[in-house]
Every structure is written in structure tokens, then in C-alpha cells.
Amino acid sequence: MSEFTIRPARAGDEPGAYHVCLKTGNFGQDGEPFYRDDPDGLGRIYVGPYLAFEPSLSLILQDEQGICGYALGAFDSRQFFDRYEREWRPKLCALFPAPTGDPASWTRTQAVQHGYHHPDYFVPEPYAVYPSHLHIDLLERAQGHGYGRRMLEQVMERLRQRGSPGAHLGVSMMNPLALGFYARLGFHELIRVGAGSDGCIYLGRSLRP
């Protein structure tokens, strides 16, 4: 039985955390077969900016094999996305040209790189009630032990202490098992956007005492 440790994120965690993002990048399942040509493609969006911009809201789960999960947060989503737009996205666009041709023929890597050039900054309403947002992924070996709940609760407590009234997160419509997990944590549905593999269900939870 592995011994797991929850700790604050620190410099040098990027490779391990990006790997977790890859291995959960197929709607919660292993995404490695789909991103072999660019294994860090997803992590550059869903992990890197949080470690860089919100280190105090970034937790890492680790065992003797290495990093096996993370829970990430942003205190003010609009300010976070504004900083991403100014400080993070230009470097991605410079390094990875936008894909061309028929989108139906794109690989998943090309679809991700399209997102570098056409980001989705959607945030659900009422924004004043749920301005913060959260993101979590765990490798399979770390699931089912309660660490996901503990990590999210710790990040939410940090948000609460900083004065956030509430937080939201997005769940792919292709990952229905996650909805039960978040419901048990007190999240409720705010809005559904899109459909199928592009569809997202946004959930919110109050952080007020």
C-alpha cells in the first residue's frame, strides 16, 4: 500500500504534474495514446499557469513513485485569465503555430494547440457568487482513498480564508462519474455548455461559513 503525502507545490513539480494531466487527459482516463507527439500539450493549459500564478492554491499529491495528483485553484477567475492572456498565452502561440485545414481531421494535439490560439475563458454566472475556480486530477493508483476530497477541501479553505465567497469548476460531459464525487462535496450544477466531447457541466459551491 502506497503512502501518500499532500504538500504545497514547489519549483520543479511541473514535469510530474504535467504527466498526471496527460494520464488523466482522456476525459479522466489515460490520454497518453492520444498525445504522444506532444505529451505536455494539455499541461501547458491546465497545470502550468496555476503553478506559476497561484502557487499558494496549488497542492501536490505524492507517493514513493512520484507525483500522482494535484489540486489547483484560482482566487479570481477573470483576473487569472487576464494574466494568462497577457503573460502565458503569447509564449504558447509563438512556440506552437495554429493548426490549419479541416478541424475534423485534426489530431487531439492539434485541437489543443488550436486552444492556445483561441482560448475559452468562459466563467459561469452568478460570477460574484462563484468567482474562484478549481481543478483536480489524480492518477488511478491515488484514487479511492479520500485524497481528492481532502485536497479540494484544503484548497477551498485557503480560498475561504482569503475571502472568496464561492468556487466553480467544470466537468466534461464525457466524465459522468466525476459528477457524483463533486455532489458529495456540496457542488451543484450551474449551467451546461456545448454537447458531447466538447460539452462541459459547470458546478458551483458556496464557501461562506
N, C-alpha and C. Protein backbone atom coordinates (compact mmCIF):
# COMPACT_ATOMS: atom_id res chain seq x y z
N MET A 1 0.85 -1.19 0.00
CA MET A 1 0.00 0.00 0.00
C MET A 1 0.88 1.24 0.00
N SER A 2 0.65 2.11 -0.95
CA SER A 2 1.45 3.32 -1.05
C SER A 2 1.12 4.27 0.09
N GLU A 3 2.12 5.02 0.52
CA GLU A 3 1.90 6.10 1.46
C GLU A 3 1.88 7.41 0.69
N PHE A 4 0.79 8.13 0.81
CA PHE A 4 0.61 9.36 0.05
C PHE A 4 0.82 10.56 0.96
N THR A 5 1.36 11.62 0.35
CA THR A 5 1.60 12.87 1.06
C THR A 5 1.01 14.02 0.27
N ILE A 6 0.23 14.85 0.94
CA ILE A 6 -0.25 16.10 0.35
C ILE A 6 0.70 17.21 0.78
N ARG A 7 1.18 17.96 -0.17
CA ARG A 7 2.14 19.03 0.14
C ARG A 7 1.91 20.22 -0.79
N PRO A 8 2.42 21.39 -0.40
CA PRO A 8 2.34 22.54 -1.31
C PRO A 8 3.17 22.30 -2.57
N ALA A 9 2.72 22.86 -3.67
CA ALA A 9 3.51 22.79 -4.90
C ALA A 9 4.80 23.58 -4.72
N ARG A 10 5.84 23.15 -5.43
CA ARG A 10 7.11 23.85 -5.37
C ARG A 10 7.78 23.81 -6.74
N ALA A 11 8.82 24.59 -6.89
CA ALA A 11 9.56 24.62 -8.15
C ALA A 11 10.06 23.22 -8.47
N GLY A 12 9.94 22.83 -9.72
CA GLY A 12 10.36 21.51 -10.15
C GLY A 12 9.25 20.49 -10.24
N ASP A 13 8.02 20.88 -9.82
CA ASP A 13 6.90 19.96 -9.87
C ASP A 13 6.29 19.85 -11.27
N GLU A 14 6.65 20.75 -12.16
CA GLU A 14 5.98 20.81 -13.46
C GLU A 14 6.01 19.48 -14.21
N PRO A 15 7.15 18.81 -14.39
CA PRO A 15 7.14 17.56 -15.16
C PRO A 15 6.19 16.51 -14.59
N GLY A 16 6.24 16.32 -13.28
CA GLY A 16 5.38 15.32 -12.67
C GLY A 16 3.91 15.68 -12.75
N ALA A 17 3.59 16.95 -12.54
CA ALA A 17 2.20 17.38 -12.61
C ALA A 17 1.68 17.34 -14.05
N TYR A 18 2.53 17.71 -15.00
CA TYR A 18 2.13 17.61 -16.40
C TYR A 18 1.85 16.16 -16.77
N HIS A 19 2.61 15.24 -16.22
CA HIS A 19 2.40 13.82 -16.51
C HIS A 19 1.04 13.36 -15.98
N VAL A 20 0.66 13.82 -14.79
CA VAL A 20 -0.66 13.49 -14.26
C VAL A 20 -1.74 14.03 -15.19
N CYS A 21 -1.56 15.24 -15.68
CA CYS A 21 -2.53 15.84 -16.61
C CYS A 21 -2.65 14.98 -17.87
N LEU A 22 -1.53 14.48 -18.38
CA LEU A 22 -1.53 13.63 -19.56
C LEU A 22 -2.27 12.33 -19.28
N LYS A 23 -1.97 11.69 -18.15
CA LYS A 23 -2.52 10.37 -17.85
C LYS A 23 -3.99 10.42 -17.45
N THR A 24 -4.54 11.60 -17.26
CA THR A 24 -5.97 11.77 -16.98
C THR A 24 -6.64 12.58 -18.09
N GLY A 25 -5.94 12.78 -19.19
CA GLY A 25 -6.37 13.72 -20.21
C GLY A 25 -7.36 13.20 -21.23
N ASN A 26 -7.84 11.99 -21.05
CA ASN A 26 -8.86 11.45 -21.93
C ASN A 26 -10.17 11.34 -21.15
N PHE A 27 -10.72 12.52 -20.78
CA PHE A 27 -11.96 12.60 -20.02
C PHE A 27 -11.85 11.80 -18.72
N GLY A 28 -10.72 11.97 -18.04
CA GLY A 28 -10.46 11.29 -16.78
C GLY A 28 -9.68 10.00 -16.94
N GLN A 29 -9.58 9.50 -18.16
CA GLN A 29 -8.82 8.28 -18.43
C GLN A 29 -7.47 8.62 -19.04
N ASP A 30 -6.68 7.61 -19.32
CA ASP A 30 -5.32 7.79 -19.82
C ASP A 30 -5.32 8.47 -21.19
N GLY A 31 -4.72 9.65 -21.26
CA GLY A 31 -4.65 10.37 -22.52
C GLY A 31 -3.36 10.16 -23.28
N GLU A 32 -2.42 9.40 -22.72
CA GLU A 32 -1.11 9.27 -23.36
C GLU A 32 -1.18 8.76 -24.80
N PRO A 33 -2.03 7.77 -25.12
CA PRO A 33 -2.07 7.30 -26.51
C PRO A 33 -2.46 8.38 -27.52
N PHE A 34 -3.14 9.43 -27.06
CA PHE A 34 -3.64 10.46 -27.96
C PHE A 34 -2.69 11.66 -28.09
N TYR A 35 -1.70 11.75 -27.21
CA TYR A 35 -0.83 12.93 -27.19
C TYR A 35 0.64 12.55 -27.20
N ARG A 36 0.98 11.45 -27.84
CA ARG A 36 2.37 11.01 -27.87
C ARG A 36 3.27 12.01 -28.58
N ASP A 37 2.72 12.77 -29.53
CA ASP A 37 3.53 13.74 -30.26
C ASP A 37 3.78 15.01 -29.46
N ASP A 38 3.04 15.23 -28.38
CA ASP A 38 3.25 16.40 -27.52
C ASP A 38 2.67 16.10 -26.14
N PRO A 39 3.36 15.33 -25.32
CA PRO A 39 2.82 14.91 -24.02
C PRO A 39 2.49 16.05 -23.07
N ASP A 40 3.13 17.21 -23.24
CA ASP A 40 2.90 18.33 -22.33
C ASP A 40 1.81 19.28 -22.82
N GLY A 41 1.18 18.93 -23.94
CA GLY A 41 0.22 19.85 -24.55
C GLY A 41 -0.91 20.27 -23.63
N LEU A 42 -1.49 19.32 -22.92
CA LEU A 42 -2.58 19.65 -22.00
C LEU A 42 -2.08 20.38 -20.78
N GLY A 43 -0.94 19.94 -20.24
CA GLY A 43 -0.42 20.53 -19.02
C GLY A 43 -0.10 22.01 -19.16
N ARG A 44 0.24 22.44 -20.37
CA ARG A 44 0.55 23.85 -20.58
C ARG A 44 -0.66 24.74 -20.34
N ILE A 45 -1.86 24.18 -20.48
CA ILE A 45 -3.07 24.94 -20.23
C ILE A 45 -3.58 24.72 -18.82
N TYR A 46 -3.67 23.45 -18.41
CA TYR A 46 -4.43 23.10 -17.22
C TYR A 46 -3.60 22.95 -15.95
N VAL A 47 -2.27 23.06 -16.07
CA VAL A 47 -1.42 22.92 -14.89
C VAL A 47 -0.43 24.08 -14.77
N GLY A 48 0.34 24.31 -15.80
CA GLY A 48 1.42 25.29 -15.74
C GLY A 48 1.03 26.66 -15.24
N PRO A 49 -0.04 27.26 -15.75
CA PRO A 49 -0.39 28.61 -15.30
C PRO A 49 -0.74 28.68 -13.81
N TYR A 50 -1.32 27.61 -13.29
CA TYR A 50 -1.69 27.60 -11.87
C TYR A 50 -0.45 27.52 -10.99
N LEU A 51 0.49 26.66 -11.36
CA LEU A 51 1.72 26.57 -10.59
C LEU A 51 2.47 27.89 -10.63
N ALA A 52 2.38 28.60 -11.76
CA ALA A 52 3.11 29.86 -11.91
C ALA A 52 2.41 31.02 -11.23
N PHE A 53 1.08 31.11 -11.38
CA PHE A 53 0.34 32.29 -10.94
C PHE A 53 -0.31 32.14 -9.57
N GLU A 54 -0.63 30.90 -9.18
CA GLU A 54 -1.36 30.66 -7.93
C GLU A 54 -0.67 29.58 -7.09
N PRO A 55 0.62 29.74 -6.78
CA PRO A 55 1.31 28.68 -6.04
C PRO A 55 0.72 28.41 -4.67
N SER A 56 0.16 29.42 -4.03
CA SER A 56 -0.40 29.23 -2.69
C SER A 56 -1.70 28.44 -2.72
N LEU A 57 -2.29 28.27 -3.90
CA LEU A 57 -3.51 27.50 -4.07
C LEU A 57 -3.26 26.21 -4.84
N SER A 58 -2.01 25.78 -4.90
CA SER A 58 -1.62 24.58 -5.65
C SER A 58 -1.09 23.52 -4.70
N LEU A 59 -1.77 22.38 -4.65
CA LEU A 59 -1.36 21.26 -3.82
C LEU A 59 -0.96 20.08 -4.68
N ILE A 60 0.03 19.34 -4.22
CA ILE A 60 0.55 18.18 -4.92
C ILE A 60 0.34 16.94 -4.05
N LEU A 61 -0.08 15.84 -4.68
CA LEU A 61 -0.16 14.54 -4.02
C LEU A 61 0.99 13.68 -4.52
N GLN A 62 1.74 13.09 -3.59
CA GLN A 62 2.95 12.36 -3.96
C GLN A 62 3.03 11.06 -3.17
N ASP A 63 3.58 10.02 -3.79
CA ASP A 63 3.93 8.78 -3.09
C ASP A 63 5.35 8.40 -3.47
N GLU A 64 5.76 7.16 -3.13
CA GLU A 64 7.15 6.78 -3.39
C GLU A 64 7.47 6.69 -4.87
N GLN A 65 6.45 6.61 -5.71
CA GLN A 65 6.67 6.58 -7.15
C GLN A 65 6.76 7.97 -7.77
N GLY A 66 6.35 8.98 -7.01
CA GLY A 66 6.41 10.34 -7.52
C GLY A 66 5.07 11.05 -7.42
N ILE A 67 4.94 12.13 -8.16
CA ILE A 67 3.71 12.92 -8.16
C ILE A 67 2.59 12.11 -8.78
N CYS A 68 1.45 12.04 -8.07
CA CYS A 68 0.33 11.24 -8.57
C CYS A 68 -0.99 12.01 -8.53
N GLY A 69 -0.94 13.30 -8.26
CA GLY A 69 -2.15 14.09 -8.27
C GLY A 69 -1.88 15.55 -7.94
N TYR A 70 -2.88 16.37 -8.17
CA TYR A 70 -2.79 17.79 -7.82
C TYR A 70 -4.20 18.34 -7.64
N ALA A 71 -4.29 19.39 -6.85
CA ALA A 71 -5.50 20.20 -6.75
C ALA A 71 -5.06 21.65 -6.89
N LEU A 72 -5.69 22.36 -7.81
CA LEU A 72 -5.26 23.71 -8.17
C LEU A 72 -6.44 24.66 -8.06
N GLY A 73 -6.15 25.90 -7.73
CA GLY A 73 -7.20 26.89 -7.62
C GLY A 73 -6.78 28.25 -8.13
N ALA A 74 -7.77 29.06 -8.46
CA ALA A 74 -7.55 30.46 -8.82
C ALA A 74 -8.53 31.30 -8.02
N PHE A 75 -8.03 32.32 -7.34
CA PHE A 75 -8.86 33.12 -6.45
C PHE A 75 -9.89 33.93 -7.22
N ASP A 76 -9.47 34.62 -8.25
CA ASP A 76 -10.36 35.44 -9.08
C ASP A 76 -10.18 34.98 -10.52
N SER A 77 -11.17 34.29 -11.03
CA SER A 77 -11.02 33.66 -12.35
C SER A 77 -10.76 34.66 -13.45
N ARG A 78 -11.44 35.79 -13.43
CA ARG A 78 -11.25 36.76 -14.51
C ARG A 78 -9.86 37.37 -14.45
N GLN A 79 -9.37 37.65 -13.26
CA GLN A 79 -8.00 38.16 -13.15
C GLN A 79 -6.99 37.10 -13.57
N PHE A 80 -7.26 35.85 -13.23
CA PHE A 80 -6.38 34.75 -13.62
C PHE A 80 -6.31 34.64 -15.14
N PHE A 81 -7.47 34.66 -15.80
CA PHE A 81 -7.49 34.54 -17.26
C PHE A 81 -6.87 35.76 -17.92
N ASP A 82 -7.03 36.91 -17.32
CA ASP A 82 -6.39 38.11 -17.87
C ASP A 82 -4.88 37.97 -17.82
N ARG A 83 -4.36 37.45 -16.72
CA ARG A 83 -2.91 37.25 -16.62
C ARG A 83 -2.44 36.16 -17.58
N TYR A 84 -3.23 35.10 -17.71
CA TYR A 84 -2.92 34.05 -18.68
C TYR A 84 -2.82 34.64 -20.08
N GLU A 85 -3.77 35.50 -20.40
CA GLU A 85 -3.78 36.12 -21.74
C GLU A 85 -2.55 36.98 -21.97
N ARG A 86 -2.12 37.72 -20.96
CA ARG A 86 -1.01 38.64 -21.12
C ARG A 86 0.36 37.98 -20.99
N GLU A 87 0.48 37.03 -20.06
CA GLU A 87 1.80 36.53 -19.70
C GLU A 87 2.07 35.10 -20.14
N TRP A 88 1.04 34.31 -20.39
CA TRP A 88 1.25 32.89 -20.66
C TRP A 88 0.97 32.53 -22.11
N ARG A 89 -0.17 32.96 -22.63
CA ARG A 89 -0.60 32.53 -23.95
C ARG A 89 0.32 33.01 -25.08
N PRO A 90 0.88 34.23 -25.02
CA PRO A 90 1.75 34.64 -26.13
C PRO A 90 2.93 33.69 -26.37
N LYS A 91 3.47 33.14 -25.31
CA LYS A 91 4.59 32.20 -25.48
C LYS A 91 4.12 30.91 -26.15
N LEU A 92 2.92 30.45 -25.78
CA LEU A 92 2.40 29.24 -26.41
C LEU A 92 2.18 29.45 -27.91
N CYS A 93 1.58 30.59 -28.23
CA CYS A 93 1.30 30.87 -29.64
C CYS A 93 2.58 31.01 -30.45
N ALA A 94 3.63 31.55 -29.83
CA ALA A 94 4.90 31.71 -30.54
C ALA A 94 5.57 30.36 -30.80
N LEU A 95 5.40 29.44 -29.87
CA LEU A 95 6.06 28.14 -29.99
C LEU A 95 5.26 27.14 -30.82
N PHE A 96 3.94 27.30 -30.84
CA PHE A 96 3.09 26.30 -31.49
C PHE A 96 2.12 27.01 -32.45
N PRO A 97 2.41 26.98 -33.75
CA PRO A 97 1.53 27.63 -34.72
C PRO A 97 0.12 27.02 -34.69
N ALA A 98 -0.85 27.84 -35.03
CA ALA A 98 -2.22 27.36 -35.07
C ALA A 98 -2.37 26.31 -36.17
N PRO A 99 -3.06 25.21 -35.91
CA PRO A 99 -3.26 24.20 -36.95
C PRO A 99 -4.15 24.73 -38.07
N THR A 100 -3.96 24.20 -39.23
CA THR A 100 -4.75 24.62 -40.39
C THR A 100 -5.48 23.41 -40.96
N GLY A 101 -6.32 23.65 -41.95
CA GLY A 101 -7.05 22.57 -42.58
C GLY A 101 -8.36 22.28 -41.87
N ASP A 102 -8.95 21.15 -42.22
CA ASP A 102 -10.25 20.76 -41.71
C ASP A 102 -10.13 20.32 -40.25
N PRO A 103 -10.81 21.00 -39.32
CA PRO A 103 -10.73 20.60 -37.92
C PRO A 103 -11.12 19.14 -37.68
N ALA A 104 -11.98 18.61 -38.53
CA ALA A 104 -12.40 17.22 -38.36
C ALA A 104 -11.23 16.25 -38.54
N SER A 105 -10.17 16.71 -39.20
CA SER A 105 -9.02 15.85 -39.44
C SER A 105 -7.90 16.07 -38.44
N TRP A 106 -8.08 17.01 -37.52
CA TRP A 106 -7.02 17.31 -36.57
C TRP A 106 -6.81 16.17 -35.58
N THR A 107 -5.58 16.00 -35.15
CA THR A 107 -5.29 15.14 -34.03
C THR A 107 -5.71 15.86 -32.75
N ARG A 108 -5.70 15.13 -31.65
CA ARG A 108 -6.05 15.78 -30.38
C ARG A 108 -5.00 16.84 -30.01
N THR A 109 -3.76 16.58 -30.34
CA THR A 109 -2.73 17.57 -30.08
C THR A 109 -3.00 18.85 -30.86
N GLN A 110 -3.38 18.72 -32.11
CA GLN A 110 -3.70 19.90 -32.91
C GLN A 110 -4.90 20.64 -32.32
N ALA A 111 -5.87 19.90 -31.82
CA ALA A 111 -7.04 20.56 -31.21
C ALA A 111 -6.63 21.34 -29.97
N VAL A 112 -5.71 20.78 -29.17
CA VAL A 112 -5.21 21.50 -28.00
C VAL A 112 -4.46 22.75 -28.43
N GLN A 113 -3.62 22.63 -29.44
CA GLN A 113 -2.85 23.78 -29.91
C GLN A 113 -3.75 24.84 -30.53
N HIS A 114 -4.86 24.42 -31.11
CA HIS A 114 -5.86 25.40 -31.55
C HIS A 114 -6.35 26.21 -30.35
N GLY A 115 -6.49 25.53 -29.21
CA GLY A 115 -6.92 26.21 -28.00
C GLY A 115 -5.92 27.23 -27.50
N TYR A 116 -4.65 27.04 -27.82
CA TYR A 116 -3.66 28.06 -27.46
C TYR A 116 -3.99 29.38 -28.14
N HIS A 117 -4.47 29.29 -29.38
CA HIS A 117 -4.73 30.49 -30.17
C HIS A 117 -6.16 31.00 -30.01
N HIS A 118 -7.05 30.12 -29.55
CA HIS A 118 -8.46 30.51 -29.37
C HIS A 118 -8.92 29.99 -28.01
N PRO A 119 -8.46 30.61 -26.94
CA PRO A 119 -8.77 30.11 -25.59
C PRO A 119 -10.24 30.30 -25.21
N ASP A 120 -10.67 29.46 -24.29
CA ASP A 120 -12.03 29.54 -23.75
C ASP A 120 -11.94 30.11 -22.34
N TYR A 121 -12.41 31.34 -22.16
CA TYR A 121 -12.37 31.99 -20.86
C TYR A 121 -13.75 32.05 -20.21
N PHE A 122 -14.59 31.12 -20.56
CA PHE A 122 -15.95 31.13 -20.02
C PHE A 122 -15.93 30.95 -18.50
N VAL A 123 -16.74 31.75 -17.83
CA VAL A 123 -16.97 31.57 -16.39
C VAL A 123 -18.48 31.65 -16.16
N PRO A 124 -19.01 30.77 -15.31
CA PRO A 124 -20.45 30.73 -15.12
C PRO A 124 -20.94 31.86 -14.23
N GLU A 125 -22.18 32.21 -14.39
CA GLU A 125 -22.85 33.18 -13.53
C GLU A 125 -23.63 32.45 -12.44
N PRO A 126 -23.91 33.12 -11.32
CA PRO A 126 -23.52 34.49 -10.99
C PRO A 126 -22.05 34.56 -10.56
N TYR A 127 -21.29 35.35 -11.30
CA TYR A 127 -19.85 35.40 -11.06
C TYR A 127 -19.51 35.91 -9.66
N ALA A 128 -20.26 36.87 -9.16
CA ALA A 128 -19.96 37.43 -7.85
C ALA A 128 -20.11 36.39 -6.74
N VAL A 129 -20.89 35.35 -7.01
CA VAL A 129 -21.10 34.30 -6.00
C VAL A 129 -20.04 33.21 -6.10
N TYR A 130 -19.55 32.94 -7.33
CA TYR A 130 -18.58 31.86 -7.54
C TYR A 130 -17.37 32.36 -8.35
N PRO A 131 -16.63 33.34 -7.86
CA PRO A 131 -15.54 33.91 -8.67
C PRO A 131 -14.30 33.04 -8.75
N SER A 132 -14.08 32.19 -7.77
CA SER A 132 -12.89 31.33 -7.79
C SER A 132 -13.18 30.08 -8.61
N HIS A 133 -12.11 29.38 -9.03
CA HIS A 133 -12.33 28.09 -9.66
C HIS A 133 -11.26 27.09 -9.25
N LEU A 134 -11.58 25.82 -9.48
CA LEU A 134 -10.77 24.71 -9.01
C LEU A 134 -10.51 23.72 -10.13
N HIS A 135 -9.44 22.95 -9.97
CA HIS A 135 -9.08 21.93 -10.95
C HIS A 135 -8.33 20.83 -10.22
N ILE A 136 -8.72 19.57 -10.45
CA ILE A 136 -8.07 18.46 -9.75
C ILE A 136 -7.95 17.26 -10.67
N ASP A 137 -6.85 16.53 -10.55
CA ASP A 137 -6.65 15.26 -11.26
C ASP A 137 -5.82 14.34 -10.38
N LEU A 138 -6.18 13.06 -10.37
CA LEU A 138 -5.43 12.05 -9.64
C LEU A 138 -5.18 10.85 -10.55
N LEU A 139 -3.98 10.31 -10.48
CA LEU A 139 -3.72 9.05 -11.16
C LEU A 139 -4.54 7.94 -10.54
N GLU A 140 -4.74 6.87 -11.28
CA GLU A 140 -5.60 5.79 -10.82
C GLU A 140 -5.15 5.21 -9.49
N ARG A 141 -3.84 5.10 -9.29
CA ARG A 141 -3.36 4.49 -8.04
C ARG A 141 -3.67 5.34 -6.81
N ALA A 142 -3.95 6.62 -7.03
CA ALA A 142 -4.23 7.52 -5.91
C ALA A 142 -5.72 7.72 -5.68
N GLN A 143 -6.55 7.13 -6.52
CA GLN A 143 -7.99 7.33 -6.42
C GLN A 143 -8.60 6.36 -5.41
N GLY A 144 -9.71 6.77 -4.82
CA GLY A 144 -10.45 5.90 -3.93
C GLY A 144 -9.97 5.87 -2.50
N HIS A 145 -9.05 6.77 -2.16
CA HIS A 145 -8.51 6.80 -0.79
C HIS A 145 -8.90 8.07 -0.03
N GLY A 146 -9.70 8.92 -0.66
CA GLY A 146 -10.15 10.14 0.01
C GLY A 146 -9.23 11.33 -0.17
N TYR A 147 -8.15 11.18 -0.94
CA TYR A 147 -7.21 12.29 -1.07
C TYR A 147 -7.75 13.40 -1.95
N GLY A 148 -8.55 13.05 -2.95
CA GLY A 148 -9.14 14.09 -3.78
C GLY A 148 -10.01 15.02 -2.95
N ARG A 149 -10.85 14.44 -2.11
CA ARG A 149 -11.70 15.24 -1.22
C ARG A 149 -10.85 16.11 -0.30
N ARG A 150 -9.83 15.52 0.31
CA ARG A 150 -9.01 16.26 1.26
C ARG A 150 -8.29 17.42 0.58
N MET A 151 -7.78 17.19 -0.62
CA MET A 151 -7.06 18.24 -1.32
C MET A 151 -7.98 19.38 -1.71
N LEU A 152 -9.14 19.06 -2.25
CA LEU A 152 -10.09 20.11 -2.63
C LEU A 152 -10.55 20.88 -1.41
N GLU A 153 -10.82 20.19 -0.31
CA GLU A 153 -11.24 20.89 0.89
C GLU A 153 -10.16 21.82 1.40
N GLN A 154 -8.90 21.42 1.29
CA GLN A 154 -7.81 22.29 1.72
C GLN A 154 -7.70 23.53 0.83
N VAL A 155 -7.83 23.34 -0.48
CA VAL A 155 -7.77 24.49 -1.38
C VAL A 155 -8.95 25.42 -1.13
N MET A 156 -10.14 24.84 -0.93
CA MET A 156 -11.31 25.67 -0.67
C MET A 156 -11.17 26.43 0.65
N GLU A 157 -10.56 25.81 1.64
CA GLU A 157 -10.35 26.51 2.90
C GLU A 157 -9.40 27.68 2.70
N ARG A 158 -8.39 27.51 1.88
CA ARG A 158 -7.48 28.62 1.60
C ARG A 158 -8.21 29.74 0.87
N LEU A 159 -9.08 29.38 -0.05
CA LEU A 159 -9.88 30.39 -0.74
C LEU A 159 -10.79 31.12 0.24
N ARG A 160 -11.40 30.36 1.13
CA ARG A 160 -12.29 30.95 2.13
C ARG A 160 -11.54 31.94 3.01
N GLN A 161 -10.34 31.55 3.44
CA GLN A 161 -9.56 32.42 4.30
C GLN A 161 -9.15 33.71 3.59
N ARG A 162 -9.03 33.65 2.28
CA ARG A 162 -8.69 34.85 1.51
C ARG A 162 -9.92 35.68 1.17
N GLY A 163 -11.10 35.20 1.53
CA GLY A 163 -12.31 35.99 1.34
C GLY A 163 -13.16 35.63 0.15
N SER A 164 -12.88 34.49 -0.51
CA SER A 164 -13.71 34.11 -1.65
C SER A 164 -15.08 33.64 -1.17
N PRO A 165 -16.15 34.11 -1.81
CA PRO A 165 -17.49 33.68 -1.42
C PRO A 165 -17.88 32.32 -1.98
N GLY A 166 -17.20 31.88 -3.06
CA GLY A 166 -17.58 30.61 -3.67
C GLY A 166 -16.68 30.25 -4.83
N ALA A 167 -16.76 29.00 -5.24
CA ALA A 167 -15.90 28.50 -6.30
C ALA A 167 -16.70 27.66 -7.28
N HIS A 168 -16.21 27.59 -8.50
CA HIS A 168 -16.82 26.74 -9.53
C HIS A 168 -15.76 25.86 -10.15
N LEU A 169 -16.20 24.87 -10.90
CA LEU A 169 -15.32 24.01 -11.68
C LEU A 169 -16.11 23.44 -12.83
N GLY A 170 -15.40 22.94 -13.81
CA GLY A 170 -16.03 22.36 -14.99
C GLY A 170 -15.78 20.87 -15.06
N VAL A 171 -16.80 20.13 -15.48
CA VAL A 171 -16.70 18.68 -15.64
C VAL A 171 -17.12 18.33 -17.06
N SER A 172 -16.30 17.58 -17.76
CA SER A 172 -16.66 17.15 -19.10
C SER A 172 -17.92 16.30 -19.07
N MET A 173 -18.78 16.48 -20.06
CA MET A 173 -19.96 15.63 -20.18
C MET A 173 -19.60 14.18 -20.45
N MET A 174 -18.34 13.94 -20.83
CA MET A 174 -17.86 12.59 -21.09
C MET A 174 -17.32 11.93 -19.82
N ASN A 175 -17.43 12.62 -18.68
CA ASN A 175 -16.91 12.10 -17.42
C ASN A 175 -17.99 12.15 -16.34
N PRO A 176 -19.08 11.38 -16.53
CA PRO A 176 -20.21 11.48 -15.59
C PRO A 176 -19.88 10.99 -14.19
N LEU A 177 -18.88 10.10 -14.04
CA LEU A 177 -18.56 9.59 -12.71
C LEU A 177 -18.09 10.71 -11.78
N ALA A 178 -17.48 11.74 -12.36
CA ALA A 178 -16.98 12.84 -11.54
C ALA A 178 -18.11 13.63 -10.90
N LEU A 179 -19.29 13.62 -11.52
CA LEU A 179 -20.39 14.43 -11.00
C LEU A 179 -20.81 13.97 -9.61
N GLY A 180 -20.82 12.66 -9.37
CA GLY A 180 -21.18 12.15 -8.06
C GLY A 180 -20.18 12.57 -7.00
N PHE A 181 -18.90 12.56 -7.37
CA PHE A 181 -17.84 12.97 -6.44
C PHE A 181 -18.04 14.41 -6.02
N TYR A 182 -18.30 15.29 -6.98
CA TYR A 182 -18.46 16.71 -6.65
C TYR A 182 -19.77 16.96 -5.91
N ALA A 183 -20.80 16.20 -6.23
CA ALA A 183 -22.07 16.37 -5.50
C ALA A 183 -21.87 16.05 -4.02
N ARG A 184 -21.09 15.03 -3.73
CA ARG A 184 -20.83 14.68 -2.33
C ARG A 184 -20.02 15.75 -1.62
N LEU A 185 -19.32 16.57 -2.38
CA LEU A 185 -18.56 17.68 -1.79
C LEU A 185 -19.39 18.96 -1.68
N GLY A 186 -20.65 18.89 -2.08
CA GLY A 186 -21.53 20.03 -1.93
C GLY A 186 -21.67 20.91 -3.15
N PHE A 187 -21.15 20.48 -4.29
CA PHE A 187 -21.29 21.26 -5.52
C PHE A 187 -22.65 20.98 -6.16
N HIS A 188 -23.17 21.99 -6.85
CA HIS A 188 -24.42 21.82 -7.58
C HIS A 188 -24.27 22.43 -8.97
N GLU A 189 -25.10 21.97 -9.87
CA GLU A 189 -24.97 22.39 -11.27
C GLU A 189 -25.38 23.85 -11.45
N LEU A 190 -24.57 24.58 -12.23
CA LEU A 190 -24.86 25.96 -12.58
C LEU A 190 -25.36 26.10 -14.01
N ILE A 191 -24.64 25.46 -14.95
CA ILE A 191 -25.00 25.58 -16.36
C ILE A 191 -24.28 24.50 -17.16
N ARG A 192 -24.88 24.14 -18.29
CA ARG A 192 -24.25 23.23 -19.24
C ARG A 192 -23.94 24.00 -20.51
N VAL A 193 -22.75 23.77 -21.04
CA VAL A 193 -22.30 24.47 -22.24
C VAL A 193 -21.82 23.44 -23.24
N GLY A 194 -22.28 23.52 -24.48
CA GLY A 194 -21.84 22.60 -25.51
C GLY A 194 -22.50 21.24 -25.36
N ALA A 195 -21.94 20.27 -26.11
CA ALA A 195 -22.50 18.92 -26.10
C ALA A 195 -21.40 17.92 -26.46
N GLY A 196 -21.64 16.68 -26.09
CA GLY A 196 -20.72 15.61 -26.46
C GLY A 196 -19.33 15.82 -25.88
N SER A 197 -18.32 15.49 -26.68
CA SER A 197 -16.94 15.59 -26.21
C SER A 197 -16.52 17.03 -25.95
N ASP A 198 -17.25 18.00 -26.50
CA ASP A 198 -16.95 19.41 -26.27
C ASP A 198 -17.83 20.00 -25.17
N GLY A 199 -18.71 19.21 -24.61
CA GLY A 199 -19.63 19.72 -23.62
C GLY A 199 -19.02 19.78 -22.23
N CYS A 200 -19.46 20.77 -21.45
CA CYS A 200 -18.94 20.96 -20.10
C CYS A 200 -20.09 21.31 -19.16
N ILE A 201 -20.08 20.69 -18.00
CA ILE A 201 -21.04 20.98 -16.95
C ILE A 201 -20.32 21.78 -15.87
N TYR A 202 -20.79 22.99 -15.60
CA TYR A 202 -20.18 23.84 -14.59
C TYR A 202 -20.94 23.69 -13.28
N LEU A 203 -20.18 23.45 -12.22
CA LEU A 203 -20.72 23.26 -10.89
C LEU A 203 -20.21 24.35 -9.97
N GLY A 204 -20.99 24.70 -8.96
CA GLY A 204 -20.58 25.73 -8.01
C GLY A 204 -20.82 25.31 -6.57
N ARG A 205 -20.07 25.91 -5.68
CA ARG A 205 -20.26 25.68 -4.25
C ARG A 205 -19.95 26.96 -3.49
N SER A 206 -20.81 27.30 -2.56
CA SER A 206 -20.56 28.44 -1.69
C SER A 206 -19.44 28.11 -0.72
N LEU A 207 -18.63 29.11 -0.41
CA LEU A 207 -17.56 28.97 0.57
C LEU A 207 -17.83 29.80 1.81
N ARG A 208 -19.02 30.37 1.89
CA ARG A 208 -19.36 31.18 3.06
C ARG A 208 -19.59 30.28 4.27
N PRO A 209 -19.24 30.73 5.46
CA PRO A 209 -19.44 29.94 6.67
C PRO A 209 -20.90 29.54 6.83
